[in-house]
Amino acid sequence: MPTCTKTRYRDRIAAMLVLAQIQNRDKASRPKQEARVYFCDDCRGWHLTSRKRWR
């Protein structure tokens, strides 16, 4: 069962498709723009983040 509250995508491809859709929208509609996808060890799913780099 997922343990985090973020939107979970089942695989990297699904997350990348959503990221592409978001990036093609009008950027003025959202002040924070998602920049990349990442794998979550907690829920074993993929999420979007506005951070450009992983720390």
C-alpha atoms as a PDB file:
ATOM      1  CA  MET A   1       0.000   0.000   0.000  1.00  0.00           C
ATOM      2  CA  PRO A   2       1.377   3.466  -0.881  1.00  0.00           C
ATOM      3  CA  THR A   3       2.763   5.325   2.099  1.00  0.00           C
ATOM      4  CA  CYS A   4       3.106   8.795   0.605  1.00  0.00           C
ATOM      5  CA  THR A   5       0.473  11.393  -0.279  1.00  0.00           C
ATOM      6  CA  LYS A   6       1.795  12.463  -3.682  1.00  0.00           C
ATOM      7  CA  THR A   7       0.225  11.368  -6.950  1.00  0.00           C
ATOM      8  CA  ARG A   8       1.672   7.951  -7.766  1.00  0.00           C
ATOM      9  CA  TYR A   9       2.340   6.765 -11.312  1.00  0.00           C
ATOM     10  CA  ARG A  10       2.768   3.036 -11.946  1.00  0.00           C
ATOM     11  CA  ASP A  11       5.881   3.383 -14.096  1.00  0.00           C
ATOM     12  CA  ARG A  12       8.364   5.900 -15.462  1.00  0.00           C
ATOM     13  CA  ILE A  13       6.662   6.095 -18.858  1.00  0.00           C
ATOM     14  CA  ALA A  14       3.297   7.027 -17.342  1.00  0.00           C
ATOM     15  CA  ALA A  15       4.948   9.763 -15.256  1.00  0.00           C
ATOM     16  CA  MET A  16       6.883  11.063 -18.270  1.00  0.00           C
ATOM     17  CA  LEU A  17       3.689  11.289 -20.348  1.00  0.00           C
ATOM     18  CA  VAL A  18       1.961  13.354 -17.654  1.00  0.00           C
ATOM     19  CA  LEU A  19       5.068  15.536 -17.302  1.00  0.00           C
ATOM     20  CA  ALA A  20       5.047  16.218 -21.059  1.00  0.00           C
ATOM     21  CA  GLN A  21       1.365  17.193 -20.930  1.00  0.00           C
ATOM     22  CA  ILE A  22       1.966  19.554 -18.007  1.00  0.00           C
ATOM     23  CA  GLN A  23       4.973  21.171 -19.665  1.00  0.00           C
ATOM     24  CA  ASN A  24       2.954  21.832 -22.843  1.00  0.00           C
ATOM     25  CA  ARG A  25       0.273  23.775 -20.912  1.00  0.00           C
ATOM     26  CA  ASP A  26       0.312  27.505 -20.379  1.00  0.00           C
ATOM     27  CA  LYS A  27       3.049  28.152 -17.815  1.00  0.00           C
ATOM     28  CA  ALA A  28       1.238  31.192 -16.441  1.00  0.00           C
ATOM     29  CA  SER A  29      -1.497  28.962 -15.040  1.00  0.00           C
ATOM     30  CA  ARG A  30       0.841  27.407 -12.440  1.00  0.00           C
ATOM     31  CA  PRO A  31       3.572  29.263 -10.569  1.00  0.00           C
ATOM     32  CA  LYS A  32       5.499  26.055  -9.852  1.00  0.00           C
ATOM     33  CA  GLN A  33       6.273  23.931 -12.908  1.00  0.00           C
ATOM     34  CA  GLU A  34       7.154  20.237 -12.671  1.00  0.00           C
ATOM     35  CA  ALA A  35      10.616  19.564 -14.099  1.00  0.00           C
ATOM     36  CA  ARG A  36      11.289  15.828 -13.828  1.00  0.00           C
ATOM     37  CA  VAL A  37      10.133  12.438 -12.560  1.00  0.00           C
ATOM     38  CA  TYR A  38      11.656  10.373  -9.780  1.00  0.00           C
ATOM     39  CA  PHE A  39      11.228   6.938  -8.202  1.00  0.00           C
ATOM     40  CA  CYS A  40       9.894   6.827  -4.645  1.00  0.00           C
ATOM     41  CA  ASP A  41      11.308   4.112  -2.408  1.00  0.00           C
ATOM     42  CA  ASP A  42       8.445   4.554   0.072  1.00  0.00           C
ATOM     43  CA  CYS A  43       5.551   3.684  -2.258  1.00  0.00           C
ATOM     44  CA  ARG A  44       7.572   2.011  -5.037  1.00  0.00           C
ATOM     45  CA  GLY A  45       5.986   4.344  -7.591  1.00  0.00           C
ATOM     46  CA  TRP A  46       6.947   7.376  -9.654  1.00  0.00           C
ATOM     47  CA  HIS A  47       6.233  11.031  -8.833  1.00  0.00           C
ATOM     48  CA  LEU A  48       6.706  14.457 -10.415  1.00  0.00           C
ATOM     49  CA  THR A  49       8.803  17.207  -8.854  1.00  0.00           C
ATOM     50  CA  SER A  50       9.593  20.817  -9.631  1.00  0.00           C
ATOM     51  CA  ARG A  51      13.190  20.365  -8.450  1.00  0.00           C
ATOM     52  CA  LYS A  52      15.505  20.359 -11.433  1.00  0.00           C
ATOM     53  CA  ARG A  53      18.173  18.258  -9.734  1.00  0.00           C
ATOM     54  CA  TRP A  54      18.242  15.483  -7.183  1.00  0.00           C
ATOM     55  CA  ARG A  55      20.224  16.313  -4.050  1.00  0.00           C
END
